[in-house]
Amino acid sequence: MTAIFALGQNALELGLISALTVLALFLSYSMLNVCDLSTDGCFTLGATVGAVVAISGHPYLSLGAAMLAGLCSGFITAILQTKLGIDSLLAGIIVNTGLYSINIAVMGNSSLLNMNKTETVFTKCADALKGTPLAPYFKLIVALVAVILVIIFLSVFLKTKLGLAIHATGNNPDMVRSSSINPSFTTIVGLCIANVFTGLSGCLLAQSQKSVNIDIGTGMVTVALASLLIGGAFLGKGKIPLQAIGVVLGAIVFRLVYAVALRFHMPASMLKLVSSVIVIIAISGPYLRSKYPMLKRAIDHKLGKEVQ
């Protein structure tokens, strides 16, 4: 029972940390209607920059540095799309590819950074909670605070004129353009903010697991997309705060599925396949559900003919 509880707590911690990336995709994909494939590289960039700054003795500053690095990544991706006329998918792939070399350089031409002796925001929180009943949940508390702050920010920001313009750009860029709003500007702002969340997510994961490797962000866009679609099934409609909470629930459910798979001794190499299958089910589910009545009528018709 203790092992199951520990596994659940770990899944909850990872779910909340990855929820920051899912919230980034919520802004870029759901609101802005841009599929940002630079997520993997940006996540790793946030992890590596945050780790290097933390190792130098600045655990709190590492969060700001990771977020700034994410902002720069989002800015470059947006400029490629809006100013150089590169397709959004291709722009994300280009930035993601370039970030691999940048991340290696940030890590000092190494593929692994060890943070076992590094003071992080998690160790700071653990020290602050030492001797209290909340001490065992210090990682959970840090991740939860970060997620709550991001949800509050999104809830307030998307109600501002700029936030509404970003949402309108995703729905109908031509209408936005006719309203004297520059869709290029709203796209740039939206992608910059989204990648700030992704960079923060990578930084927190690196500090949580006390190490960074160059592949830490591999497949993160698939995980985030799956979590986003699962979250849409919970609270996909309604006000922005409810949708954001649904997205976080999706991330937690996804990590719980991972935890169950590991509990049944599924090889780690198969977990990416699990992610892909979840995405396929989440995307195709609504379509297949809409086709079910027609398929049922066809089957009933065929069975009726066979009976006659």
Protein backbone atom coordinates (compact mmCIF):
# COMPACT_ATOMS: atom_id res chain seq x y z
CA MET A 1 0.00 0.00 0.00
CA THR A 2 2.87 2.35 0.84
CA ALA A 3 4.46 1.65 -2.55
CA ILE A 4 1.18 2.42 -4.35
CA PHE A 5 0.77 5.66 -2.38
CA ALA A 6 4.34 6.70 -3.22
CA LEU A 7 3.75 5.87 -6.89
CA GLY A 8 0.56 7.94 -6.88
CA GLN A 9 2.27 10.88 -5.19
CA ASN A 10 5.10 10.75 -7.74
CA ALA A 11 2.60 10.67 -10.60
CA LEU A 12 0.80 13.66 -9.09
CA GLU A 13 4.04 15.62 -8.78
CA LEU A 14 5.09 14.86 -12.36
CA GLY A 15 1.56 15.56 -13.57
CA LEU A 16 1.56 19.04 -12.02
CA ILE A 17 5.03 19.85 -13.38
CA SER A 18 4.14 18.68 -16.90
CA ALA A 19 0.80 20.53 -16.57
CA LEU A 20 2.76 23.77 -17.05
CA THR A 21 3.74 22.58 -20.53
CA VAL A 22 0.16 21.49 -21.16
CA LEU A 23 -1.04 24.97 -20.17
CA ALA A 24 1.50 26.36 -22.64
CA LEU A 25 -0.05 24.20 -25.36
CA PHE A 26 -3.49 25.28 -24.17
CA LEU A 27 -2.51 28.87 -24.96
CA SER A 28 -0.69 28.22 -28.24
CA TYR A 29 -2.79 25.36 -29.65
CA SER A 30 -6.26 25.88 -28.21
CA MET A 31 -6.32 29.68 -28.02
CA LEU A 32 -3.92 30.76 -30.77
CA ASN A 33 -4.47 27.74 -33.05
CA VAL A 34 -0.72 27.24 -33.58
CA CYS A 35 0.80 23.78 -33.15
CA ASP A 36 4.22 24.62 -31.71
CA LEU A 37 6.57 21.70 -32.37
CA SER A 38 9.48 23.46 -30.67
CA THR A 39 8.07 22.32 -27.30
CA ASP A 40 10.56 19.48 -26.85
CA GLY A 41 13.59 21.71 -27.41
CA CYS A 42 12.16 24.59 -25.36
CA PHE A 43 11.42 22.25 -22.44
CA THR A 44 15.03 21.02 -22.53
CA LEU A 45 16.29 24.61 -22.84
CA GLY A 46 14.41 25.60 -19.68
CA ALA A 47 15.81 22.55 -17.89
CA THR A 48 19.42 23.17 -18.93
CA VAL A 49 19.43 26.94 -18.34
CA GLY A 50 17.70 26.50 -14.98
CA ALA A 51 20.14 23.78 -13.97
CA VAL A 52 23.23 25.79 -14.89
CA VAL A 53 22.00 28.85 -12.98
CA ALA A 54 21.03 26.72 -9.95
CA ILE A 55 24.42 24.98 -9.98
CA SER A 56 26.06 28.42 -9.91
CA GLY A 57 24.25 29.04 -6.60
CA HIS A 58 21.06 30.87 -7.59
CA PRO A 59 18.06 28.51 -7.17
CA TYR A 60 15.37 31.21 -7.35
CA LEU A 61 17.06 33.08 -10.19
CA SER A 62 17.12 29.80 -12.13
CA LEU A 63 13.33 29.97 -12.51
CA GLY A 64 13.49 33.44 -14.06
CA ALA A 65 16.38 32.43 -16.30
CA ALA A 66 14.51 29.36 -17.56
CA MET A 67 11.41 31.43 -18.25
CA LEU A 68 13.46 34.04 -20.11
CA ALA A 69 15.09 31.31 -22.18
CA GLY A 70 11.64 29.95 -23.03
CA LEU A 71 10.51 33.44 -24.04
CA CYS A 72 13.46 33.74 -26.43
CA SER A 73 12.65 30.36 -27.96
CA GLY A 74 9.01 31.34 -28.46
CA PHE A 75 10.05 34.69 -29.97
CA ILE A 76 12.29 33.03 -32.57
CA THR A 77 9.58 30.51 -33.47
CA ALA A 78 7.03 33.30 -33.85
CA ILE A 79 9.37 35.47 -35.96
CA LEU A 80 9.98 32.57 -38.36
CA GLN A 81 6.22 32.23 -38.80
CA THR A 82 5.12 35.84 -38.93
CA LYS A 83 8.04 37.69 -40.51
CA LEU A 84 9.77 35.06 -42.66
CA GLY A 85 6.65 33.31 -43.94
CA ILE A 86 7.65 29.85 -42.69
CA ASP A 87 4.82 27.43 -41.94
CA SER A 88 4.15 27.08 -38.21
CA LEU A 89 4.87 23.34 -38.15
CA LEU A 90 8.12 23.76 -40.06
CA ALA A 91 9.16 26.72 -37.89
CA GLY A 92 8.71 24.59 -34.78
CA ILE A 93 10.78 21.77 -36.26
CA ILE A 94 13.56 24.18 -37.28
CA VAL A 95 13.73 25.77 -33.83
CA ASN A 96 13.56 22.39 -32.10
CA THR A 97 16.48 21.14 -34.21
CA GLY A 98 18.57 24.24 -33.55
CA LEU A 99 17.86 24.12 -29.82
CA TYR A 100 19.54 20.71 -29.57
CA SER A 101 22.93 22.28 -30.31
CA ILE A 102 22.19 25.27 -28.07
CA ASN A 103 21.21 22.99 -25.18
CA ILE A 104 24.42 21.00 -25.55
CA ALA A 105 26.39 24.27 -25.48
CA VAL A 106 24.52 25.47 -22.38
CA MET A 107 25.43 22.21 -20.66
CA GLY A 108 29.12 22.77 -21.42
CA ASN A 109 29.24 20.29 -24.31
CA SER A 110 28.04 17.54 -22.01
CA SER A 111 24.89 15.47 -22.34
CA LEU A 112 24.31 15.19 -18.57
CA LEU A 113 24.32 17.57 -15.61
CA ASN A 114 24.30 16.20 -12.06
CA MET A 115 22.49 18.32 -9.45
CA ASN A 116 22.68 16.02 -6.41
CA LYS A 117 24.62 18.60 -4.39
CA THR A 118 22.83 21.61 -5.84
CA GLU A 119 20.47 23.78 -3.83
CA THR A 120 17.16 24.10 -5.69
CA VAL A 121 13.71 25.60 -5.07
CA PHE A 122 12.67 22.14 -3.89
CA THR A 123 15.43 21.86 -1.30
CA LYS A 124 14.60 25.39 -0.15
CA CYS A 125 10.97 24.38 0.30
CA ALA A 126 12.01 21.17 2.09
CA ASP A 127 14.11 23.19 4.54
CA ALA A 128 11.23 25.61 5.15
CA LEU A 129 8.79 22.76 5.86
CA LYS A 130 11.16 20.66 7.95
CA GLY A 131 9.46 19.37 11.09
CA THR A 132 5.94 20.07 9.83
CA PRO A 133 3.30 17.57 8.61
CA LEU A 134 3.73 18.98 5.09
CA ALA A 135 7.44 18.13 4.93
CA PRO A 136 7.00 14.90 2.85
CA TYR A 137 5.01 16.83 0.24
CA PHE A 138 7.47 19.63 -0.50
CA LYS A 139 7.74 18.73 -4.21
CA LEU A 140 3.99 18.58 -4.52
CA ILE A 141 3.61 21.98 -2.88
CA VAL A 142 6.15 23.69 -5.17
CA ALA A 143 4.55 22.22 -8.29
CA LEU A 144 1.03 23.06 -7.09
CA VAL A 145 1.95 26.68 -6.33
CA ALA A 146 3.50 27.08 -9.80
CA VAL A 147 0.41 25.62 -11.50
CA ILE A 148 -2.00 27.79 -9.49
CA LEU A 149 -0.03 30.94 -10.33
CA VAL A 150 -0.03 30.10 -14.05
CA ILE A 151 -3.78 29.36 -14.03
CA ILE A 152 -4.46 32.69 -12.28
CA PHE A 153 -2.26 34.50 -14.80
CA LEU A 154 -4.03 32.89 -17.78
CA SER A 155 -7.46 33.55 -16.30
CA VAL A 156 -6.66 37.26 -15.89
CA PHE A 157 -4.56 37.72 -19.04
CA LEU A 158 -7.04 36.11 -21.45
CA LYS A 159 -9.70 38.56 -20.28
CA THR A 160 -7.59 41.59 -21.20
CA LYS A 161 -7.78 43.26 -24.61
CA LEU A 162 -4.52 41.62 -25.66
CA GLY A 163 -5.65 38.21 -24.40
CA LEU A 164 -8.96 38.50 -26.23
CA ALA A 165 -7.07 39.55 -29.37
CA ILE A 166 -4.86 36.45 -29.10
CA HIS A 167 -7.94 34.23 -28.83
CA ALA A 168 -9.58 36.06 -31.74
CA THR A 169 -6.41 35.57 -33.82
CA GLY A 170 -6.71 31.84 -33.35
CA ASN A 171 -10.39 31.87 -34.32
CA ASN A 172 -10.28 34.26 -37.29
CA PRO A 173 -7.06 36.11 -38.19
CA ASP A 174 -8.74 37.90 -41.11
CA MET A 175 -11.35 39.40 -38.80
CA VAL A 176 -8.61 40.48 -36.39
CA ARG A 177 -6.71 42.12 -39.23
CA SER A 178 -9.84 43.99 -40.35
CA SER A 179 -10.23 45.26 -36.76
CA SER A 180 -6.85 47.06 -37.00
CA ILE A 181 -5.17 44.46 -34.78
CA ASN A 182 -1.86 43.08 -36.00
CA PRO A 183 -2.15 39.24 -35.95
CA SER A 184 1.63 38.94 -36.20
CA PHE A 185 2.00 40.82 -32.91
CA THR A 186 -0.62 38.71 -31.11
CA THR A 187 1.00 35.52 -32.43
CA ILE A 188 4.42 36.62 -31.19
CA VAL A 189 3.08 37.53 -27.74
CA GLY A 190 1.08 34.30 -27.46
CA LEU A 191 3.99 32.04 -28.40
CA CYS A 192 6.40 33.93 -26.13
CA ILE A 193 4.11 33.52 -23.12
CA ALA A 194 3.41 29.87 -23.93
CA ASN A 195 7.10 29.05 -24.13
CA VAL A 196 7.72 30.85 -20.84
CA PHE A 197 5.50 28.22 -19.22
CA THR A 198 7.31 25.43 -21.08
CA GLY A 199 10.71 26.68 -19.94
CA LEU A 200 9.48 26.87 -16.33
CA SER A 201 8.14 23.33 -16.59
CA GLY A 202 11.50 22.01 -17.81
CA CYS A 203 13.34 23.87 -15.05
CA LEU A 204 11.12 22.43 -12.31
CA LEU A 205 11.42 18.88 -13.66
CA ALA A 206 15.21 19.13 -13.78
CA GLN A 207 15.39 20.43 -10.20
CA SER A 208 12.88 17.85 -9.03
CA GLN A 209 14.84 14.88 -10.36
CA LYS A 210 18.22 16.50 -9.53
CA SER A 211 19.67 15.90 -12.99
CA VAL A 212 19.38 16.98 -16.60
CA ASN A 213 20.13 15.00 -19.72
CA ILE A 214 19.89 16.21 -23.28
CA ASP A 215 16.83 14.00 -23.93
CA ILE A 216 14.78 15.27 -20.98
CA GLY A 217 12.29 16.97 -23.28
CA THR A 218 11.99 14.24 -25.91
CA GLY A 219 8.34 13.46 -26.64
CA MET A 220 7.09 16.29 -24.40
CA VAL A 221 4.89 17.73 -27.15
CA THR A 222 3.14 14.35 -27.49
CA VAL A 223 2.62 14.09 -23.74
CA ALA A 224 1.31 17.66 -23.58
CA LEU A 225 -1.04 17.15 -26.53
CA ALA A 226 -2.41 13.93 -25.05
CA SER A 227 -2.93 15.62 -21.68
CA LEU A 228 -4.60 18.60 -23.37
CA LEU A 229 -7.06 16.38 -25.20
CA ILE A 230 -7.79 14.31 -22.09
CA GLY A 231 -8.37 17.54 -20.16
CA GLY A 232 -10.77 18.68 -22.85
CA ALA A 233 -12.91 15.64 -22.11
CA PHE A 234 -13.21 16.76 -18.46
CA LEU A 235 -13.76 20.50 -18.68
CA GLY A 236 -13.32 21.36 -22.35
CA LYS A 237 -16.16 23.87 -22.32
CA GLY A 238 -16.81 26.77 -19.98
CA LYS A 239 -14.80 29.68 -18.70
CA ILE A 240 -11.03 29.89 -19.04
CA PRO A 241 -10.26 28.93 -15.39
CA LEU A 242 -12.37 25.77 -15.72
CA GLN A 243 -10.71 24.84 -19.01
CA ALA A 244 -7.28 25.41 -17.46
CA ILE A 245 -8.16 23.21 -14.48
CA GLY A 246 -9.39 20.55 -16.91
CA VAL A 247 -6.03 20.71 -18.68
CA VAL A 248 -4.22 20.17 -15.37
CA LEU A 249 -6.48 17.20 -14.59
CA GLY A 250 -5.63 15.79 -18.03
CA ALA A 251 -1.92 16.01 -17.25
CA ILE A 252 -2.41 14.25 -13.91
CA VAL A 253 -4.53 11.48 -15.46
CA PHE A 254 -1.91 10.95 -18.15
CA ARG A 255 0.83 10.56 -15.54
CA LEU A 256 -1.35 8.19 -13.55
CA VAL A 257 -1.70 6.04 -16.69
CA TYR A 258 2.09 6.06 -16.92
CA ALA A 259 2.34 5.07 -13.26
CA VAL A 260 -0.08 2.16 -13.74
CA ALA A 261 1.89 1.01 -16.79
CA LEU A 262 5.10 1.04 -14.77
CA ARG A 263 3.33 -0.76 -11.93
CA PHE A 264 2.58 -3.61 -14.31
CA HIS A 265 6.26 -3.71 -15.28
CA MET A 266 5.82 -2.32 -18.78
CA PRO A 267 9.27 -1.68 -20.33
CA ALA A 268 10.24 1.99 -20.24
CA SER A 269 10.89 1.84 -23.98
CA MET A 270 7.17 1.18 -24.53
CA LEU A 271 5.94 4.30 -22.69
CA LYS A 272 6.32 6.50 -25.78
CA LEU A 273 4.06 4.06 -27.62
CA VAL A 274 1.53 4.43 -24.80
CA SER A 275 1.67 8.21 -25.30
CA SER A 276 1.02 7.84 -29.02
CA VAL A 277 -1.90 5.48 -28.47
CA ILE A 278 -3.47 7.86 -25.95
CA VAL A 279 -3.17 10.73 -28.46
CA ILE A 280 -4.77 8.61 -31.21
CA ILE A 281 -7.67 7.64 -28.93
CA ALA A 282 -8.16 11.20 -27.70
CA ILE A 283 -8.16 12.69 -31.21
CA SER A 284 -10.15 10.01 -33.01
CA GLY A 285 -12.63 9.40 -30.16
CA PRO A 286 -15.01 12.31 -30.91
CA TYR A 287 -14.94 11.52 -34.64
CA LEU A 288 -15.70 7.83 -34.11
CA ARG A 289 -18.42 8.74 -31.61
CA SER A 290 -20.09 10.95 -34.22
CA LYS A 291 -19.95 8.15 -36.79
CA TYR A 292 -21.28 5.48 -34.41
CA PRO A 293 -25.03 6.05 -35.07
CA MET A 294 -24.51 5.76 -38.83
CA LEU A 295 -22.39 2.62 -38.38
CA LYS A 296 -24.98 1.11 -36.04
CA ARG A 297 -27.77 1.72 -38.56
CA ALA A 298 -25.71 0.12 -41.34
CA ILE A 299 -25.02 -2.95 -39.17
CA ASP A 300 -28.68 -3.23 -38.13
CA HIS A 301 -29.76 -2.90 -41.78
CA LYS A 302 -27.33 -5.64 -42.84
CA LEU A 303 -28.41 -7.94 -40.00
CA GLY A 304 -32.07 -7.32 -40.93
CA LYS A 305 -31.43 -8.40 -44.51
CA GLU A 306 -29.63 -11.54 -43.36
CA VAL A 307 -32.56 -12.48 -41.08
CA GLN A 308 -35.00 -12.09 -43.98
